[in-house]
Full PDB file with SEQRES, HELIX, SHEET, SSBOND, CRYST1, ORIGX, SCALE, CONECT and MASTER records, all heavy atoms in Angstrom:
SEQRES   1 A   39  LEU ALA PHE ALA ASP ASP ALA PRO GLU ALA GLU VAL PHE          
SEQRES   2 A   39  GLU THR LEU LEU GLU ALA ARG TYR GLY ARG SER ALA ASP          
SEQRES   3 A   39  LEU LEU GLU THR ARG SER THR ASN CYS GLY ASN ASN ILE          
HELIX    1 AA1 GLU A    9  TYR A   21  1                                  13    
HELIX    2 AA2 CYS A   35  ASN A   38  1                                   4    
CRYST1    1.000    1.000    1.000  90.00  90.00  90.00 P 1           1          
ORIGX1      1.000000  0.000000  0.000000        0.00000                         
ORIGX2      0.000000  1.000000  0.000000        0.00000                         
ORIGX3      0.000000  0.000000  1.000000        0.00000                         
SCALE1      1.000000  0.000000  0.000000        0.00000                         
SCALE2      0.000000  1.000000  0.000000        0.00000                         
SCALE3      0.000000  0.000000  1.000000        0.00000                         
ATOM      1  N   LEU A   1     -10.030   0.475  -0.401  1.00  0.00           N  
ATOM      2  CA  LEU A   1      -8.587   0.441   0.029  1.00  0.00           C  
ATOM      3  C   LEU A   1      -7.667   0.330  -1.134  1.00  0.00           C  
ATOM      4  O   LEU A   1      -7.914  -0.487  -2.096  1.00  0.00           O  
ATOM      5  CB  LEU A   1      -8.342  -0.751   0.926  1.00  0.00           C  
ATOM      6  CG  LEU A   1      -9.170  -0.762   2.372  1.00  0.00           C  
ATOM      7  CD1 LEU A   1      -8.677  -1.938   3.161  1.00  0.00           C  
ATOM      8  CD2 LEU A   1      -8.898   0.604   3.033  1.00  0.00           C  
ATOM      9  N   ALA A   2      -6.580   0.971  -1.008  1.00  0.00           N  
ATOM     10  CA  ALA A   2      -5.507   0.960  -2.110  1.00  0.00           C  
ATOM     11  C   ALA A   2      -4.265   0.409  -1.549  1.00  0.00           C  
ATOM     12  O   ALA A   2      -3.596   0.991  -0.613  1.00  0.00           O  
ATOM     13  CB  ALA A   2      -5.314   2.317  -2.728  1.00  0.00           C  
ATOM     14  N   PHE A   3      -3.724  -0.731  -2.085  1.00  0.00           N  
ATOM     15  CA  PHE A   3      -2.411  -1.245  -1.790  1.00  0.00           C  
ATOM     16  C   PHE A   3      -1.903  -1.927  -3.005  1.00  0.00           C  
ATOM     17  O   PHE A   3      -2.570  -2.258  -4.037  1.00  0.00           O  
ATOM     18  CB  PHE A   3      -2.419  -2.104  -0.616  1.00  0.00           C  
ATOM     19  CG  PHE A   3      -3.544  -3.234  -0.641  1.00  0.00           C  
ATOM     20  CD1 PHE A   3      -3.185  -4.515  -1.242  1.00  0.00           C  
ATOM     21  CD2 PHE A   3      -4.765  -3.107  -0.129  1.00  0.00           C  
ATOM     22  CE1 PHE A   3      -4.164  -5.441  -1.392  1.00  0.00           C  
ATOM     23  CE2 PHE A   3      -5.721  -4.080  -0.179  1.00  0.00           C  
ATOM     24  CZ  PHE A   3      -5.393  -5.296  -0.850  1.00  0.00           C  
ATOM     25  N   ALA A   4      -0.494  -2.067  -2.987  1.00  0.00           N  
ATOM     26  CA  ALA A   4       0.208  -2.625  -4.173  1.00  0.00           C  
ATOM     27  C   ALA A   4      -0.320  -4.078  -4.502  1.00  0.00           C  
ATOM     28  O   ALA A   4      -0.715  -4.803  -3.576  1.00  0.00           O  
ATOM     29  CB  ALA A   4       1.658  -2.546  -3.960  1.00  0.00           C  
ATOM     30  N   ASP A   5      -0.260  -4.366  -5.733  1.00  0.00           N  
ATOM     31  CA  ASP A   5      -0.600  -5.850  -6.189  1.00  0.00           C  
ATOM     32  C   ASP A   5       0.321  -6.807  -5.402  1.00  0.00           C  
ATOM     33  O   ASP A   5      -0.026  -7.933  -5.236  1.00  0.00           O  
ATOM     34  CB  ASP A   5      -0.429  -5.975  -7.634  1.00  0.00           C  
ATOM     35  CG  ASP A   5      -1.636  -5.100  -8.330  1.00  0.00           C  
ATOM     36  OD1 ASP A   5      -2.628  -4.811  -7.670  1.00  0.00           O  
ATOM     37  OD2 ASP A   5      -1.378  -4.919  -9.553  1.00  0.00           O  
ATOM     38  N   ASP A   6       1.559  -6.406  -5.042  1.00  0.00           N  
ATOM     39  CA  ASP A   6       2.396  -7.373  -4.485  1.00  0.00           C  
ATOM     40  C   ASP A   6       2.677  -7.010  -2.912  1.00  0.00           C  
ATOM     41  O   ASP A   6       3.657  -7.413  -2.406  1.00  0.00           O  
ATOM     42  CB  ASP A   6       3.765  -7.324  -5.198  1.00  0.00           C  
ATOM     43  CG  ASP A   6       4.483  -6.064  -5.190  1.00  0.00           C  
ATOM     44  OD1 ASP A   6       3.848  -5.020  -4.821  1.00  0.00           O  
ATOM     45  OD2 ASP A   6       5.710  -5.997  -5.534  1.00  0.00           O  
ATOM     46  N   ALA A   7       1.741  -6.310  -2.444  1.00  0.00           N  
ATOM     47  CA  ALA A   7       1.863  -5.877  -1.003  1.00  0.00           C  
ATOM     48  C   ALA A   7       1.955  -7.057  -0.174  1.00  0.00           C  
ATOM     49  O   ALA A   7       1.211  -7.945  -0.103  1.00  0.00           O  
ATOM     50  CB  ALA A   7       0.684  -5.109  -0.563  1.00  0.00           C  
ATOM     51  N   PRO A   8       2.880  -7.078   0.902  1.00  0.00           N  
ATOM     52  CA  PRO A   8       3.030  -8.189   1.850  1.00  0.00           C  
ATOM     53  C   PRO A   8       1.741  -8.073   2.837  1.00  0.00           C  
ATOM     54  O   PRO A   8       1.079  -7.061   2.923  1.00  0.00           O  
ATOM     55  CB  PRO A   8       4.243  -7.904   2.645  1.00  0.00           C  
ATOM     56  CG  PRO A   8       4.682  -6.610   2.329  1.00  0.00           C  
ATOM     57  CD  PRO A   8       3.891  -6.215   0.970  1.00  0.00           C  
ATOM     58  N   GLU A   9       1.367  -9.186   3.527  1.00  0.00           N  
ATOM     59  CA  GLU A   9       0.265  -9.177   4.378  1.00  0.00           C  
ATOM     60  C   GLU A   9       0.255  -8.068   5.385  1.00  0.00           C  
ATOM     61  O   GLU A   9      -0.792  -7.455   5.708  1.00  0.00           O  
ATOM     62  CB  GLU A   9       0.198 -10.498   5.020  1.00  0.00           C  
ATOM     63  CG  GLU A   9      -0.054 -11.703   4.005  1.00  0.00           C  
ATOM     64  CD  GLU A   9       0.039 -13.063   4.570  1.00  0.00           C  
ATOM     65  OE1 GLU A   9       0.175 -13.191   5.876  1.00  0.00           O  
ATOM     66  OE2 GLU A   9      -0.087 -13.940   3.842  1.00  0.00           O  
ATOM     67  N   ALA A  10       1.422  -7.864   5.999  1.00  0.00           N  
ATOM     68  CA  ALA A  10       1.393  -6.786   7.050  1.00  0.00           C  
ATOM     69  C   ALA A  10       1.082  -5.338   6.400  1.00  0.00           C  
ATOM     70  O   ALA A  10       0.330  -4.639   7.132  1.00  0.00           O  
ATOM     71  CB  ALA A  10       2.880  -6.570   7.595  1.00  0.00           C  
ATOM     72  N   GLU A  11       1.474  -5.143   5.249  1.00  0.00           N  
ATOM     73  CA  GLU A  11       1.040  -3.831   4.520  1.00  0.00           C  
ATOM     74  C   GLU A  11      -0.439  -3.818   4.308  1.00  0.00           C  
ATOM     75  O   GLU A  11      -1.076  -2.729   4.361  1.00  0.00           O  
ATOM     76  CB  GLU A  11       1.830  -3.575   3.408  1.00  0.00           C  
ATOM     77  CG  GLU A  11       3.341  -3.245   3.700  1.00  0.00           C  
ATOM     78  CD  GLU A  11       4.131  -2.919   2.471  1.00  0.00           C  
ATOM     79  OE1 GLU A  11       3.469  -2.807   1.321  1.00  0.00           O  
ATOM     80  OE2 GLU A  11       5.341  -2.888   2.544  1.00  0.00           O  
ATOM     81  N   VAL A  12      -1.062  -4.937   3.898  1.00  0.00           N  
ATOM     82  CA  VAL A  12      -2.438  -5.047   3.751  1.00  0.00           C  
ATOM     83  C   VAL A  12      -3.277  -4.711   4.878  1.00  0.00           C  
ATOM     84  O   VAL A  12      -4.085  -3.906   4.984  1.00  0.00           O  
ATOM     85  CB  VAL A  12      -2.844  -6.342   3.060  1.00  0.00           C  
ATOM     86  CG1 VAL A  12      -4.368  -6.498   2.879  1.00  0.00           C  
ATOM     87  CG2 VAL A  12      -2.253  -6.681   1.811  1.00  0.00           C  
ATOM     88  N   PHE A  13      -2.830  -5.378   6.032  1.00  0.00           N  
ATOM     89  CA  PHE A  13      -3.625  -5.167   7.299  1.00  0.00           C  
ATOM     90  C   PHE A  13      -3.277  -3.626   7.765  1.00  0.00           C  
ATOM     91  O   PHE A  13      -4.153  -3.084   8.376  1.00  0.00           O  
ATOM     92  CB  PHE A  13      -2.943  -6.141   8.428  1.00  0.00           C  
ATOM     93  CG  PHE A  13      -3.658  -7.483   8.147  1.00  0.00           C  
ATOM     94  CD1 PHE A  13      -2.864  -8.639   7.811  1.00  0.00           C  
ATOM     95  CD2 PHE A  13      -5.085  -7.678   8.388  1.00  0.00           C  
ATOM     96  CE1 PHE A  13      -3.528  -9.815   7.618  1.00  0.00           C  
ATOM     97  CE2 PHE A  13      -5.708  -8.975   8.096  1.00  0.00           C  
ATOM     98  CZ  PHE A  13      -4.814  -9.918   7.747  1.00  0.00           C  
ATOM     99  N   GLU A  14      -2.043  -3.146   7.605  1.00  0.00           N  
ATOM    100  CA  GLU A  14      -1.726  -1.779   8.034  1.00  0.00           C  
ATOM    101  C   GLU A  14      -2.653  -0.722   7.227  1.00  0.00           C  
ATOM    102  O   GLU A  14      -3.255   0.148   7.763  1.00  0.00           O  
ATOM    103  CB  GLU A  14      -0.274  -1.450   7.777  1.00  0.00           C  
ATOM    104  CG  GLU A  14       0.033   0.022   7.919  1.00  0.00           C  
ATOM    105  CD  GLU A  14       0.385   0.283   9.402  1.00  0.00           C  
ATOM    106  OE1 GLU A  14      -0.061  -0.379  10.276  1.00  0.00           O  
ATOM    107  OE2 GLU A  14       1.236   1.296   9.670  1.00  0.00           O  
ATOM    108  N   THR A  15      -2.862  -0.958   5.903  1.00  0.00           N  
ATOM    109  CA  THR A  15      -3.705  -0.144   5.166  1.00  0.00           C  
ATOM    110  C   THR A  15      -5.229  -0.266   5.702  1.00  0.00           C  
ATOM    111  O   THR A  15      -5.867   0.828   5.832  1.00  0.00           O  
ATOM    112  CB  THR A  15      -3.699  -0.663   3.725  1.00  0.00           C  
ATOM    113  OG1 THR A  15      -2.503  -0.627   3.224  1.00  0.00           O  
ATOM    114  CG2 THR A  15      -4.738   0.232   2.769  1.00  0.00           C  
ATOM    115  N   LEU A  16      -5.636  -1.379   6.060  1.00  0.00           N  
ATOM    116  CA  LEU A  16      -7.057  -1.514   6.538  1.00  0.00           C  
ATOM    117  C   LEU A  16      -7.135  -0.735   8.083  1.00  0.00           C  
ATOM    118  O   LEU A  16      -8.021  -0.085   8.209  1.00  0.00           O  
ATOM    119  CB  LEU A  16      -7.367  -3.050   6.787  1.00  0.00           C  
ATOM    120  CG  LEU A  16      -8.607  -3.305   7.394  1.00  0.00           C  
ATOM    121  CD1 LEU A  16      -9.808  -2.819   6.468  1.00  0.00           C  
ATOM    122  CD2 LEU A  16      -8.829  -4.763   7.562  1.00  0.00           C  
ATOM    123  N   LEU A  17      -6.102  -1.002   8.796  1.00  0.00           N  
ATOM    124  CA  LEU A  17      -6.115  -0.404  10.123  1.00  0.00           C  
ATOM    125  C   LEU A  17      -6.067   1.112  10.009  1.00  0.00           C  
ATOM    126  O   LEU A  17      -6.865   1.831  10.770  1.00  0.00           O  
ATOM    127  CB  LEU A  17      -4.753  -0.800  10.978  1.00  0.00           C  
ATOM    128  CG  LEU A  17      -4.618  -0.449  12.384  1.00  0.00           C  
ATOM    129  CD1 LEU A  17      -5.760  -0.984  13.146  1.00  0.00           C  
ATOM    130  CD2 LEU A  17      -3.213  -0.925  12.845  1.00  0.00           C  
ATOM    131  N   GLU A  18      -5.349   1.629   9.109  1.00  0.00           N  
ATOM    132  CA  GLU A  18      -5.261   3.155   8.909  1.00  0.00           C  
ATOM    133  C   GLU A  18      -6.542   3.614   8.422  1.00  0.00           C  
ATOM    134  O   GLU A  18      -7.062   4.722   8.922  1.00  0.00           O  
ATOM    135  CB  GLU A  18      -4.138   3.484   8.134  1.00  0.00           C  
ATOM    136  CG  GLU A  18      -2.804   3.309   8.691  1.00  0.00           C  
ATOM    137  CD  GLU A  18      -1.604   3.655   7.759  1.00  0.00           C  
ATOM    138  OE1 GLU A  18      -1.749   3.606   6.417  1.00  0.00           O  
ATOM    139  OE2 GLU A  18      -0.405   3.801   8.230  1.00  0.00           O  
ATOM    140  N   ALA A  19      -7.119   2.954   7.313  1.00  0.00           N  
ATOM    141  CA  ALA A  19      -8.285   3.546   6.650  1.00  0.00           C  
ATOM    142  C   ALA A  19      -9.591   3.439   7.625  1.00  0.00           C  
ATOM    143  O   ALA A  19     -10.288   4.266   7.614  1.00  0.00           O  
ATOM    144  CB  ALA A  19      -8.537   2.777   5.497  1.00  0.00           C  
ATOM    145  N   ARG A  20      -9.631   2.305   8.353  1.00  0.00           N  
ATOM    146  CA  ARG A  20     -10.814   2.070   9.149  1.00  0.00           C  
ATOM    147  C   ARG A  20     -10.777   2.793  10.555  1.00  0.00           C  
ATOM    148  O   ARG A  20     -11.902   3.071  11.127  1.00  0.00           O  
ATOM    149  CB  ARG A  20     -11.133   0.563   9.270  1.00  0.00           C  
ATOM    150  CG  ARG A  20     -11.440   0.029   7.908  1.00  0.00           C  
ATOM    151  CD  ARG A  20     -12.824   0.566   7.393  1.00  0.00           C  
ATOM    152  NE  ARG A  20     -13.290  -0.146   6.170  1.00  0.00           N  
ATOM    153  CZ  ARG A  20     -12.948   0.126   4.937  1.00  0.00           C  
ATOM    154  NH1 ARG A  20     -12.240   1.225   4.650  1.00  0.00           N  
ATOM    155  NH2 ARG A  20     -13.426  -0.551   3.970  1.00  0.00           N  
ATOM    156  N   TYR A  21      -9.605   2.789  11.136  1.00  0.00           N  
ATOM    157  CA  TYR A  21      -9.451   3.245  12.591  1.00  0.00           C  
ATOM    158  C   TYR A  21      -8.476   4.288  12.685  1.00  0.00           C  
ATOM    159  O   TYR A  21      -8.381   4.720  13.935  1.00  0.00           O  
ATOM    160  CB  TYR A  21      -9.130   2.010  13.307  1.00  0.00           C  
ATOM    161  CG  TYR A  21     -10.087   0.872  13.194  1.00  0.00           C  
ATOM    162  CD1 TYR A  21      -9.692  -0.292  12.300  1.00  0.00           C  
ATOM    163  CD2 TYR A  21     -11.264   0.834  13.910  1.00  0.00           C  
ATOM    164  CE1 TYR A  21     -10.580  -1.362  12.131  1.00  0.00           C  
ATOM    165  CE2 TYR A  21     -12.051  -0.221  13.606  1.00  0.00           C  
ATOM    166  CZ  TYR A  21     -11.889  -1.363  12.764  1.00  0.00           C  
ATOM    167  OH  TYR A  21     -12.735  -2.279  12.651  1.00  0.00           O  
ATOM    168  N   GLY A  22      -7.868   4.818  11.787  1.00  0.00           N  
ATOM    169  CA  GLY A  22      -6.936   5.906  11.917  1.00  0.00           C  
ATOM    170  C   GLY A  22      -5.806   5.548  12.811  1.00  0.00           C  
ATOM    171  O   GLY A  22      -5.153   6.346  13.443  1.00  0.00           O  
ATOM    172  N   ARG A  23      -5.398   4.276  12.768  1.00  0.00           N  
ATOM    173  CA  ARG A  23      -4.254   3.814  13.626  1.00  0.00           C  
ATOM    174  C   ARG A  23      -3.190   3.234  12.758  1.00  0.00           C  
ATOM    175  O   ARG A  23      -3.494   2.837  11.645  1.00  0.00           O  
ATOM    176  CB  ARG A  23      -4.808   2.743  14.625  1.00  0.00           C  
ATOM    177  CG  ARG A  23      -5.803   3.159  15.593  1.00  0.00           C  
ATOM    178  CD  ARG A  23      -5.258   4.159  16.531  1.00  0.00           C  
ATOM    179  NE  ARG A  23      -6.297   4.520  17.572  1.00  0.00           N  
ATOM    180  CZ  ARG A  23      -6.105   4.986  18.697  1.00  0.00           C  
ATOM    181  NH1 ARG A  23      -4.786   5.188  18.992  1.00  0.00           N  
ATOM    182  NH2 ARG A  23      -7.039   5.243  19.436  1.00  0.00           N  
ATOM    183  N   SER A  24      -2.055   3.047  13.335  1.00  0.00           N  
ATOM    184  CA  SER A  24      -0.993   2.358  12.662  1.00  0.00           C  
ATOM    185  C   SER A  24      -0.122   1.641  13.645  1.00  0.00           C  
ATOM    186  O   SER A  24       0.005   1.989  14.805  1.00  0.00           O  
ATOM    187  CB  SER A  24      -0.119   3.447  11.678  1.00  0.00           C  
ATOM    188  OG  SER A  24       0.445   4.327  12.609  1.00  0.00           O  
ATOM    189  N   ALA A  25       0.568   0.744  13.069  1.00  0.00           N  
ATOM    190  CA  ALA A  25       1.463  -0.204  13.962  1.00  0.00           C  
ATOM    191  C   ALA A  25       2.752   0.651  14.030  1.00  0.00           C  
ATOM    192  O   ALA A  25       3.081   1.502  13.252  1.00  0.00           O  
ATOM    193  CB  ALA A  25       1.732  -1.440  13.304  1.00  0.00           C  
ATOM    194  N   ASP A  26       3.522   0.388  15.041  1.00  0.00           N  
ATOM    195  CA  ASP A  26       4.845   0.872  15.218  1.00  0.00           C  
ATOM    196  C   ASP A  26       5.851   0.235  14.220  1.00  0.00           C  
ATOM    197  O   ASP A  26       6.780   0.967  13.812  1.00  0.00           O  
ATOM    198  CB  ASP A  26       5.362   0.704  16.617  1.00  0.00           C  
ATOM    199  CG  ASP A  26       4.338   1.439  17.624  1.00  0.00           C  
ATOM    200  OD1 ASP A  26       4.216   2.636  17.480  1.00  0.00           O  
ATOM    201  OD2 ASP A  26       3.921   0.758  18.506  1.00  0.00           O  
ATOM    202  N   LEU A  27       5.691  -1.040  13.999  1.00  0.00           N  
ATOM    203  CA  LEU A  27       6.589  -1.662  13.211  1.00  0.00           C  
ATOM    204  C   LEU A  27       5.926  -2.727  12.303  1.00  0.00           C  
ATOM    205  O   LEU A  27       4.815  -3.201  12.640  1.00  0.00           O  
ATOM    206  CB  LEU A  27       7.589  -2.553  14.042  1.00  0.00           C  
ATOM    207  CG  LEU A  27       8.492  -1.811  14.972  1.00  0.00           C  
ATOM    208  CD1 LEU A  27       9.268  -2.850  15.874  1.00  0.00           C  
ATOM    209  CD2 LEU A  27       9.570  -0.941  14.219  1.00  0.00           C  
ATOM    210  N   LEU A  28       6.409  -2.906  11.079  1.00  0.00           N  
ATOM    211  CA  LEU A  28       5.851  -3.914  10.121  1.00  0.00           C  
ATOM    212  C   LEU A  28       7.026  -4.865   9.817  1.00  0.00           C  
ATOM    213  O   LEU A  28       8.098  -4.523   9.499  1.00  0.00           O  
ATOM    214  CB  LEU A  28       5.400  -3.297   8.886  1.00  0.00           C  
ATOM    215  CG  LEU A  28       4.237  -2.420   8.905  1.00  0.00           C  
ATOM    216  CD1 LEU A  28       3.916  -1.831   7.489  1.00  0.00           C  
ATOM    217  CD2 LEU A  28       3.090  -2.825   9.537  1.00  0.00           C  
ATOM    218  N   GLU A  29       6.613  -6.221   9.970  1.00  0.00           N  
ATOM    219  CA  GLU A  29       7.554  -7.239   9.488  1.00  0.00           C  
ATOM    220  C   GLU A  29       7.039  -7.713   8.256  1.00  0.00           C  
ATOM    221  O   GLU A  29       5.946  -8.258   8.098  1.00  0.00           O  
ATOM    222  CB  GLU A  29       7.682  -8.365  10.587  1.00  0.00           C  
ATOM    223  CG  GLU A  29       8.738  -9.463  10.258  1.00  0.00           C  
ATOM    224  CD  GLU A  29       8.317 -10.222   9.061  1.00  0.00           C  
ATOM    225  OE1 GLU A  29       7.308 -10.894   9.063  1.00  0.00           O  
ATOM    226  OE2 GLU A  29       9.043 -10.347   8.006  1.00  0.00           O  
ATOM    227  N   THR A  30       7.798  -7.640   7.066  1.00  0.00           N  
ATOM    228  CA  THR A  30       7.188  -7.907   5.802  1.00  0.00           C  
ATOM    229  C   THR A  30       8.019  -8.895   4.963  1.00  0.00           C  
ATOM    230  O   THR A  30       7.678  -9.193   3.869  1.00  0.00           O  
ATOM    231  CB  THR A  30       7.064  -6.535   4.987  1.00  0.00           C  
ATOM    232  OG1 THR A  30       8.403  -6.072   4.844  1.00  0.00           O  
ATOM    233  CG2 THR A  30       6.176  -5.552   5.641  1.00  0.00           C  
ATOM    234  N   ARG A  31       9.011  -9.488   5.583  1.00  0.00           N  
ATOM    235  CA  ARG A  31       9.894 -10.486   4.817  1.00  0.00           C  
ATOM    236  C   ARG A  31       9.486 -11.942   4.936  1.00  0.00           C  
ATOM    237  O   ARG A  31       9.924 -12.733   4.174  1.00  0.00           O  
ATOM    238  CB  ARG A  31      11.412 -10.367   5.317  1.00  0.00           C  
ATOM    239  CG  ARG A  31      11.988  -9.012   5.156  1.00  0.00           C  
ATOM    240  CD  ARG A  31      13.406  -8.932   5.728  1.00  0.00           C  
ATOM    241  NE  ARG A  31      13.582  -9.603   6.991  1.00  0.00           N  
ATOM    242  CZ  ARG A  31      14.613 -10.487   7.254  1.00  0.00           C  
ATOM    243  NH1 ARG A  31      15.661 -10.616   6.412  1.00  0.00           N  
ATOM    244  NH2 ARG A  31      14.810 -11.008   8.589  1.00  0.00           N  
ATOM    245  N   SER A  32       8.610 -12.284   5.859  1.00  0.00           N  
ATOM    246  CA  SER A  32       8.362 -13.608   6.185  1.00  0.00           C  
ATOM    247  C   SER A  32       7.523 -14.256   4.957  1.00  0.00           C  
ATOM    248  O   SER A  32       6.875 -13.493   4.234  1.00  0.00           O  
ATOM    249  CB  SER A  32       7.552 -13.737   7.482  1.00  0.00           C  
ATOM    250  OG  SER A  32       6.404 -13.047   7.306  1.00  0.00           O  
ATOM    251  N   THR A  33       7.788 -15.501   4.791  1.00  0.00           N  
ATOM    252  CA  THR A  33       7.055 -16.238   3.755  1.00  0.00           C  
ATOM    253  C   THR A  33       6.285 -17.466   4.289  1.00  0.00           C  
ATOM    254  O   THR A  33       5.685 -18.194   3.637  1.00  0.00           O  
ATOM    255  CB  THR A  33       8.106 -16.748   2.772  1.00  0.00           C  
ATOM    256  OG1 THR A  33       9.087 -17.743   3.342  1.00  0.00           O  
ATOM    257  CG2 THR A  33       8.833 -15.665   2.029  1.00  0.00           C  
ATOM    258  N   ASN A  34       6.388 -17.647   5.681  1.00  0.00           N  
ATOM    259  CA  ASN A  34       5.705 -18.818   6.293  1.00  0.00           C  
ATOM    260  C   ASN A  34       5.545 -18.484   7.790  1.00  0.00           C  
ATOM    261  O   ASN A  34       6.134 -17.484   8.240  1.00  0.00           O  
ATOM    262  CB  ASN A  34       6.300 -20.054   6.048  1.00  0.00           C  
ATOM    263  CG  ASN A  34       7.743 -20.244   6.517  1.00  0.00           C  
ATOM    264  OD1 ASN A  34       8.050 -19.910   7.721  1.00  0.00           O  
ATOM    265  ND2 ASN A  34       8.823 -20.367   5.664  1.00  0.00           N  
ATOM    266  N   CYS A  35       4.826 -19.250   8.465  1.00  0.00           N  
ATOM    267  CA  CYS A  35       4.549 -19.079   9.881  1.00  0.00           C  
ATOM    268  C   CYS A  35       5.849 -19.073  10.713  1.00  0.00           C  
ATOM    269  O   CYS A  35       5.957 -18.374  11.651  1.00  0.00           O  
ATOM    270  CB  CYS A  35       3.531 -20.123  10.364  1.00  0.00           C  
ATOM    271  SG  CYS A  35       1.909 -19.827   9.690  1.00  0.00           S  
ATOM    272  N   GLY A  36       6.752 -19.893  10.363  1.00  0.00           N  
ATOM    273  CA  GLY A  36       7.970 -19.933  11.122  1.00  0.00           C  
ATOM    274  C   GLY A  36       8.761 -18.776  10.953  1.00  0.00           C  
ATOM    275  O   GLY A  36       9.350 -18.141  11.950  1.00  0.00           O  
ATOM    276  N   ASN A  37       8.896 -18.306   9.767  1.00  0.00           N  
ATOM    277  CA  ASN A  37       9.502 -16.954   9.404  1.00  0.00           C  
ATOM    278  C   ASN A  37       8.846 -15.698  10.235  1.00  0.00           C  
ATOM    279  O   ASN A  37       9.572 -14.866  10.500  1.00  0.00           O  
ATOM    280  CB  ASN A  37       9.452 -16.548   8.026  1.00  0.00           C  
ATOM    281  CG  ASN A  37      10.397 -17.315   7.063  1.00  0.00           C  
ATOM    282  OD1 ASN A  37      10.248 -17.469   6.050  1.00  0.00           O  
ATOM    283  ND2 ASN A  37      11.525 -17.886   7.738  1.00  0.00           N  
ATOM    284  N   ASN A  38       7.588 -15.858  10.367  1.00  0.00           N  
ATOM    285  CA  ASN A  38       6.816 -14.747  11.162  1.00  0.00           C  
ATOM    286  C   ASN A  38       7.525 -14.539  12.373  1.00  0.00           C  
ATOM    287  O   ASN A  38       7.768 -13.328  12.749  1.00  0.00           O  
ATOM    288  CB  ASN A  38       5.379 -15.099  11.342  1.00  0.00           C  
ATOM    289  CG  ASN A  38       4.532 -14.961  10.091  1.00  0.00           C  
ATOM    290  OD1 ASN A  38       4.822 -14.308   9.094  1.00  0.00           O  
ATOM    291  ND2 ASN A  38       3.348 -15.579  10.061  1.00  0.00           N  
ATOM    292  N   ILE A  39       7.779 -15.589  13.147  1.00  0.00           N  
ATOM    293  CA  ILE A  39       8.448 -15.479  14.439  1.00  0.00           C  
ATOM    294  C   ILE A  39       9.891 -15.207  14.439  1.00  0.00           C  
ATOM    295  O   ILE A  39      10.311 -14.252  15.038  1.00  0.00           O  
ATOM    296  CB  ILE A  39       8.168 -16.795  15.232  1.00  0.00           C  
ATOM    297  CG1 ILE A  39       6.677 -17.176  15.329  1.00  0.00           C  
ATOM    298  CG2 ILE A  39       8.958 -16.703  16.516  1.00  0.00           C  
ATOM    299  CD1 ILE A  39       5.957 -15.990  16.056  1.00  0.00           C  
TER     300      ILE A  39                                                      
MASTER        0    0    0    2    0    0    0    6  299    1    0    3          
END                                                                             
């Protein structure tokens, strides 16, 4: 898998999802820095 050294977690999981399952999410939230921000 190839992703940027500073890739946010959502992009890491999206890369895995695309490579392994040929699927992608409709949206990525990549700004959060903690669990509260996730929501």
